Amino acid sequence: PERAPGREPELQVGLMEHQATVEFRLDGPWRLAGRPVPAGWLRAESRGGYVRLTGPDGRNVDLGALPPMEPASREATFTIRGVTIGVDFHWQRLQDQTFPGALELLPDAAGGLTVINRVPLEEYLASVIASEMRADAPPEFLRAHAVISRSWLLAQLEASRLDPQAGPGSFPQLPGRILAWTDRQCH
């Protein structure tokens, strides 16, 4: 995506797809279309092209195209219940996961929901480094990992900007999978 010079890119990270329902908790202040959203556990369901959102008070709100839920402070986070981690590895399991950044719930053509985390590049990198290295690793290792990860990610963003046809849209969609273009030859 195009961005202003000197401005940090925002990433759209797919967390789940084809979900009939998604349960999530908002911690801290949040806004939806400029209006406050109550903190606590919420439930989203796909209802034939629109999203039904059930709040902590049990009331339903039906929304056509659900705009992203935006954190109203840097401390606000959201937790998604039952995210699959370690896909296709021997340790694959469901786990509640907490994220910074905006939360987007998109209805799909199959009647499910896709969950997207919109997050600034540096916040994304902090979570990647924390998940891929031990906290007690030598500081030099953590710094090197940060430089390598940032460089690789910025190169991927530039490559996708220069050749948008080479991304995941040029491949068939697989049920239950989010296709991520990682350019393994350069990885």
C-alpha atoms as a PDB file:
ATOM      1  CA  PRO A   1       0.000   0.000   0.000  1.00  0.00           C
ATOM      2  CA  GLU A   2       1.072   3.587  -0.679  1.00  0.00           C
ATOM      3  CA  ARG A   3       2.181   5.565   2.330  1.00  0.00           C
ATOM      4  CA  ALA A   4       3.452   9.026   3.089  1.00  0.00           C
ATOM      5  CA  PRO A   5       7.258   9.321   3.295  1.00  0.00           C
ATOM      6  CA  GLY A   6       8.479   8.856   6.855  1.00  0.00           C
ATOM      7  CA  ARG A   7       5.183   7.356   7.997  1.00  0.00           C
ATOM      8  CA  GLU A   8       5.178   3.914   9.574  1.00  0.00           C
ATOM      9  CA  PRO A   9       3.307   1.337   7.457  1.00  0.00           C
ATOM     10  CA  GLU A  10       0.198  -0.272   8.902  1.00  0.00           C
ATOM     11  CA  LEU A  11      -0.105  -4.021   8.362  1.00  0.00           C
ATOM     12  CA  GLN A  12      -3.276  -6.035   7.929  1.00  0.00           C
ATOM     13  CA  VAL A  13      -2.633  -9.398   9.567  1.00  0.00           C
ATOM     14  CA  GLY A  14      -5.160 -12.192   9.060  1.00  0.00           C
ATOM     15  CA  LEU A  15      -5.861 -13.993  12.343  1.00  0.00           C
ATOM     16  CA  MET A  16      -8.798 -16.293  11.458  1.00  0.00           C
ATOM     17  CA  GLU A  17     -11.116 -16.946   8.539  1.00  0.00           C
ATOM     18  CA  HIS A  18     -14.362 -18.790   7.753  1.00  0.00           C
ATOM     19  CA  GLN A  19     -15.532 -18.556  11.379  1.00  0.00           C
ATOM     20  CA  ALA A  20     -19.278 -18.874  12.036  1.00  0.00           C
ATOM     21  CA  THR A  21     -18.813 -16.948  15.288  1.00  0.00           C
ATOM     22  CA  VAL A  22     -15.934 -15.081  16.881  1.00  0.00           C
ATOM     23  CA  GLU A  23     -15.708 -14.350  20.588  1.00  0.00           C
ATOM     24  CA  PHE A  24     -13.425 -11.536  21.643  1.00  0.00           C
ATOM     25  CA  ARG A  25     -12.732  -9.294  24.608  1.00  0.00           C
ATOM     26  CA  LEU A  26     -11.997  -5.579  24.383  1.00  0.00           C
ATOM     27  CA  ASP A  27      -9.747  -4.216  27.123  1.00  0.00           C
ATOM     28  CA  GLY A  28      -9.465  -0.485  27.548  1.00  0.00           C
ATOM     29  CA  PRO A  29     -11.354   2.182  25.588  1.00  0.00           C
ATOM     30  CA  TRP A  30     -12.542   1.297  22.057  1.00  0.00           C
ATOM     31  CA  ARG A  31     -14.503   3.034  19.303  1.00  0.00           C
ATOM     32  CA  LEU A  32     -16.640   1.767  16.422  1.00  0.00           C
ATOM     33  CA  ALA A  33     -17.562   4.343  13.772  1.00  0.00           C
ATOM     34  CA  GLY A  34     -16.615   7.086  16.234  1.00  0.00           C
ATOM     35  CA  ARG A  35     -18.836   5.779  19.040  1.00  0.00           C
ATOM     36  CA  PRO A  36     -17.608   4.127  22.253  1.00  0.00           C
ATOM     37  CA  VAL A  37     -17.779   0.330  22.439  1.00  0.00           C
ATOM     38  CA  PRO A  38     -18.161  -1.260  25.881  1.00  0.00           C
ATOM     39  CA  ALA A  39     -15.191  -3.221  27.197  1.00  0.00           C
ATOM     40  CA  GLY A  40     -15.666  -6.900  27.952  1.00  0.00           C
ATOM     41  CA  TRP A  41     -16.517 -10.063  26.018  1.00  0.00           C
ATOM     42  CA  LEU A  42     -18.394  -9.654  22.732  1.00  0.00           C
ATOM     43  CA  ARG A  43     -19.592 -12.116  20.123  1.00  0.00           C
ATOM     44  CA  ALA A  44     -19.714 -11.577  16.361  1.00  0.00           C
ATOM     45  CA  GLU A  45     -21.716 -13.751  13.957  1.00  0.00           C
ATOM     46  CA  SER A  46     -21.933 -13.665  10.186  1.00  0.00           C
ATOM     47  CA  ARG A  47     -25.578 -13.239   9.117  1.00  0.00           C
ATOM     48  CA  GLY A  48     -25.804 -13.451   5.339  1.00  0.00           C
ATOM     49  CA  GLY A  49     -23.458 -10.625   4.413  1.00  0.00           C
ATOM     50  CA  TYR A  50     -23.686  -8.583   7.591  1.00  0.00           C
ATOM     51  CA  VAL A  51     -22.267  -8.932  11.097  1.00  0.00           C
ATOM     52  CA  ARG A  52     -24.358  -9.333  14.243  1.00  0.00           C
ATOM     53  CA  LEU A  53     -22.447  -8.017  17.223  1.00  0.00           C
ATOM     54  CA  THR A  54     -23.599  -9.041  20.712  1.00  0.00           C
ATOM     55  CA  GLY A  55     -22.231  -6.859  23.505  1.00  0.00           C
ATOM     56  CA  PRO A  56     -21.406  -7.675  27.121  1.00  0.00           C
ATOM     57  CA  ASP A  57     -24.928  -6.544  28.073  1.00  0.00           C
ATOM     58  CA  GLY A  58     -26.474  -9.161  25.729  1.00  0.00           C
ATOM     59  CA  ARG A  59     -27.877  -6.608  23.282  1.00  0.00           C
ATOM     60  CA  ASN A  60     -27.480  -7.248  19.546  1.00  0.00           C
ATOM     61  CA  VAL A  61     -26.396  -4.737  16.929  1.00  0.00           C
ATOM     62  CA  ASP A  62     -26.645  -5.721  13.257  1.00  0.00           C
ATOM     63  CA  LEU A  63     -24.107  -3.983  11.060  1.00  0.00           C
ATOM     64  CA  GLY A  64     -23.804  -4.185   7.269  1.00  0.00           C
ATOM     65  CA  ALA A  65     -20.156  -3.504   6.559  1.00  0.00           C
ATOM     66  CA  LEU A  66     -18.580  -3.493   9.996  1.00  0.00           C
ATOM     67  CA  PRO A  67     -15.948  -0.756  10.164  1.00  0.00           C
ATOM     68  CA  PRO A  68     -12.786  -1.551  12.101  1.00  0.00           C
ATOM     69  CA  MET A  69     -12.977  -1.280  15.867  1.00  0.00           C
ATOM     70  CA  GLU A  70     -10.293   1.215  16.809  1.00  0.00           C
ATOM     71  CA  PRO A  71      -8.458   1.383  20.135  1.00  0.00           C
ATOM     72  CA  ALA A  72      -9.024   4.772  21.780  1.00  0.00           C
ATOM     73  CA  SER A  73      -5.710   4.573  23.658  1.00  0.00           C
ATOM     74  CA  ARG A  74      -2.316   2.938  23.114  1.00  0.00           C
ATOM     75  CA  GLU A  75      -2.985   0.624  26.075  1.00  0.00           C
ATOM     76  CA  ALA A  76      -6.186  -0.839  24.598  1.00  0.00           C
ATOM     77  CA  THR A  77      -5.930  -4.442  23.388  1.00  0.00           C
ATOM     78  CA  PHE A  78      -8.270  -7.164  22.199  1.00  0.00           C
ATOM     79  CA  THR A  79      -8.241 -10.889  22.907  1.00  0.00           C
ATOM     80  CA  ILE A  80      -9.604 -13.431  20.423  1.00  0.00           C
ATOM     81  CA  ARG A  81     -10.841 -16.715  21.884  1.00  0.00           C
ATOM     82  CA  GLY A  82      -9.619 -19.936  20.257  1.00  0.00           C
ATOM     83  CA  VAL A  83      -6.995 -18.812  17.709  1.00  0.00           C
ATOM     84  CA  THR A  84      -5.217 -21.721  16.006  1.00  0.00           C
ATOM     85  CA  ILE A  85      -1.462 -21.424  16.552  1.00  0.00           C
ATOM     86  CA  GLY A  86       1.257 -23.658  15.143  1.00  0.00           C
ATOM     87  CA  VAL A  87      -0.771 -24.594  12.041  1.00  0.00           C
ATOM     88  CA  ASP A  88       0.401 -27.955  10.656  1.00  0.00           C
ATOM     89  CA  PHE A  89       3.077 -28.352  13.339  1.00  0.00           C
ATOM     90  CA  HIS A  90       3.043 -31.107  15.969  1.00  0.00           C
ATOM     91  CA  TRP A  91       2.211 -28.505  18.613  1.00  0.00           C
ATOM     92  CA  GLN A  92      -0.829 -27.030  16.798  1.00  0.00           C
ATOM     93  CA  ARG A  93      -3.532 -25.982  19.270  1.00  0.00           C
ATOM     94  CA  LEU A  94      -6.228 -23.421  20.021  1.00  0.00           C
ATOM     95  CA  GLN A  95      -5.246 -20.573  22.313  1.00  0.00           C
ATOM     96  CA  ASP A  96      -6.675 -17.220  23.353  1.00  0.00           C
ATOM     97  CA  GLN A  97      -4.439 -14.517  21.867  1.00  0.00           C
ATOM     98  CA  THR A  98      -4.160 -10.826  22.775  1.00  0.00           C
ATOM     99  CA  PHE A  99      -3.281  -8.156  20.194  1.00  0.00           C
ATOM    100  CA  PRO A 100      -2.658  -4.396  19.997  1.00  0.00           C
ATOM    101  CA  GLY A 101      -4.067  -2.373  17.100  1.00  0.00           C
ATOM    102  CA  ALA A 102      -7.451  -2.269  15.390  1.00  0.00           C
ATOM    103  CA  LEU A 103      -9.826  -5.224  15.013  1.00  0.00           C
ATOM    104  CA  GLU A 104     -11.668  -5.843  11.749  1.00  0.00           C
ATOM    105  CA  LEU A 105     -14.405  -8.478  11.275  1.00  0.00           C
ATOM    106  CA  LEU A 106     -15.357  -9.098   7.651  1.00  0.00           C
ATOM    107  CA  PRO A 107     -18.227 -11.314   6.474  1.00  0.00           C
ATOM    108  CA  ASP A 108     -17.151 -13.645   3.662  1.00  0.00           C
ATOM    109  CA  ALA A 109     -19.050 -15.146   0.724  1.00  0.00           C
ATOM    110  CA  ALA A 110     -19.215 -18.552   2.447  1.00  0.00           C
ATOM    111  CA  GLY A 111     -21.179 -17.142   5.408  1.00  0.00           C
ATOM    112  CA  GLY A 112     -18.268 -16.903   7.819  1.00  0.00           C
ATOM    113  CA  LEU A 113     -16.134 -14.165   9.299  1.00  0.00           C
ATOM    114  CA  THR A 114     -12.537 -13.198   8.639  1.00  0.00           C
ATOM    115  CA  VAL A 115     -10.673 -11.577  11.559  1.00  0.00           C
ATOM    116  CA  ILE A 116      -7.988  -9.016  10.723  1.00  0.00           C
ATOM    117  CA  ASN A 117      -5.608  -7.156  13.018  1.00  0.00           C
ATOM    118  CA  ARG A 118      -4.565  -3.738  11.685  1.00  0.00           C
ATOM    119  CA  VAL A 119      -1.347  -2.876  13.463  1.00  0.00           C
ATOM    120  CA  PRO A 120       1.619  -0.523  12.936  1.00  0.00           C
ATOM    121  CA  LEU A 121       4.754  -2.251  11.660  1.00  0.00           C
ATOM    122  CA  GLU A 122       6.824  -1.664  14.810  1.00  0.00           C
ATOM    123  CA  GLU A 123       4.134  -3.095  17.114  1.00  0.00           C
ATOM    124  CA  TYR A 124       3.851  -6.127  14.842  1.00  0.00           C
ATOM    125  CA  LEU A 125       7.628  -6.627  14.932  1.00  0.00           C
ATOM    126  CA  ALA A 126       7.678  -6.457  18.738  1.00  0.00           C
ATOM    127  CA  SER A 127       5.144  -9.292  18.903  1.00  0.00           C
ATOM    128  CA  VAL A 128       6.993 -11.379  16.293  1.00  0.00           C
ATOM    129  CA  ILE A 129      10.311 -11.045  18.075  1.00  0.00           C
ATOM    130  CA  ALA A 130       8.713 -11.829  21.445  1.00  0.00           C
ATOM    131  CA  SER A 131       7.081 -14.955  20.007  1.00  0.00           C
ATOM    132  CA  GLU A 132      10.142 -16.227  18.121  1.00  0.00           C
ATOM    133  CA  MET A 133      12.895 -15.668  20.704  1.00  0.00           C
ATOM    134  CA  ARG A 134      13.237 -16.294  24.397  1.00  0.00           C
ATOM    135  CA  ALA A 135      13.045 -13.232  26.635  1.00  0.00           C
ATOM    136  CA  ASP A 136      16.355 -14.215  28.257  1.00  0.00           C
ATOM    137  CA  ALA A 137      18.209 -14.312  24.913  1.00  0.00           C
ATOM    138  CA  PRO A 138      21.256 -12.039  24.775  1.00  0.00           C
ATOM    139  CA  PRO A 139      20.255  -8.463  23.872  1.00  0.00           C
ATOM    140  CA  GLU A 140      22.484  -8.623  20.770  1.00  0.00           C
ATOM    141  CA  PHE A 141      20.424 -11.569  19.437  1.00  0.00           C
ATOM    142  CA  LEU A 142      17.155  -9.682  20.023  1.00  0.00           C
ATOM    143  CA  ARG A 143      18.505  -6.570  18.278  1.00  0.00           C
ATOM    144  CA  ALA A 144      19.791  -8.627  15.320  1.00  0.00           C
ATOM    145  CA  HIS A 145      16.449 -10.405  15.015  1.00  0.00           C
ATOM    146  CA  ALA A 146      14.661  -7.030  15.028  1.00  0.00           C
ATOM    147  CA  VAL A 147      16.884  -5.643  12.237  1.00  0.00           C
ATOM    148  CA  ILE A 148      16.529  -8.779  10.099  1.00  0.00           C
ATOM    149  CA  SER A 149      12.763  -9.029  10.616  1.00  0.00           C
ATOM    150  CA  ARG A 150      12.187  -5.338   9.864  1.00  0.00           C
ATOM    151  CA  SER A 151      14.361  -5.460   6.739  1.00  0.00           C
ATOM    152  CA  TRP A 152      12.626  -8.594   5.445  1.00  0.00           C
ATOM    153  CA  LEU A 153       9.152  -7.199   6.114  1.00  0.00           C
ATOM    154  CA  LEU A 154       9.895  -3.837   4.453  1.00  0.00           C
ATOM    155  CA  ALA A 155      11.324  -5.679   1.424  1.00  0.00           C
ATOM    156  CA  GLN A 156       8.121  -7.764   1.202  1.00  0.00           C
ATOM    157  CA  LEU A 157       5.941  -4.643   1.407  1.00  0.00           C
ATOM    158  CA  GLU A 158       7.968  -2.961  -1.341  1.00  0.00           C
ATOM    159  CA  ALA A 159       7.857  -6.074  -3.558  1.00  0.00           C
ATOM    160  CA  SER A 160       4.078  -6.300  -3.194  1.00  0.00           C
ATOM    161  CA  ARG A 161       3.757  -2.595  -4.000  1.00  0.00           C
ATOM    162  CA  LEU A 162       5.850  -2.979  -7.166  1.00  0.00           C
ATOM    163  CA  ASP A 163       4.127  -6.188  -8.329  1.00  0.00           C
ATOM    164  CA  PRO A 164       0.649  -6.493  -6.769  1.00  0.00           C
ATOM    165  CA  GLN A 165      -0.191  -9.403  -9.127  1.00  0.00           C
ATOM    166  CA  ALA A 166       2.432 -11.620  -7.464  1.00  0.00           C
ATOM    167  CA  GLY A 167       0.620 -11.762  -4.136  1.00  0.00           C
ATOM    168  CA  PRO A 168      -1.872 -14.251  -2.709  1.00  0.00           C
ATOM    169  CA  GLY A 169      -4.681 -13.074  -4.995  1.00  0.00           C
ATOM    170  CA  SER A 170      -3.059 -14.903  -7.901  1.00  0.00           C
ATOM    171  CA  PHE A 171      -3.421 -18.296  -6.205  1.00  0.00           C
ATOM    172  CA  PRO A 172      -6.543 -20.405  -5.506  1.00  0.00           C
ATOM    173  CA  GLN A 173      -8.157 -19.950  -2.100  1.00  0.00           C
ATOM    174  CA  LEU A 174      -7.966 -22.968   0.198  1.00  0.00           C
ATOM    175  CA  PRO A 175     -10.897 -23.614   2.561  1.00  0.00           C
ATOM    176  CA  GLY A 176      -9.920 -22.934   6.167  1.00  0.00           C
ATOM    177  CA  ARG A 177      -6.577 -21.352   5.259  1.00  0.00           C
ATOM    178  CA  ILE A 178      -5.264 -17.836   4.966  1.00  0.00           C
ATOM    179  CA  LEU A 179      -2.697 -17.741   2.202  1.00  0.00           C
ATOM    180  CA  ALA A 180       0.331 -15.634   3.105  1.00  0.00           C
ATOM    181  CA  TRP A 181       2.875 -14.655   0.485  1.00  0.00           C
ATOM    182  CA  THR A 182       6.293 -14.850   2.130  1.00  0.00           C
ATOM    183  CA  ASP A 183       8.741 -15.197  -0.789  1.00  0.00           C
ATOM    184  CA  ARG A 184      10.469 -18.203   0.738  1.00  0.00           C
ATOM    185  CA  GLN A 185      13.329 -18.027  -1.765  1.00  0.00           C
ATOM    186  CA  CYS A 186      14.490 -14.785  -0.131  1.00  0.00           C
ATOM    187  CA  HIS A 187      13.609 -15.776   3.421  1.00  0.00           C
END
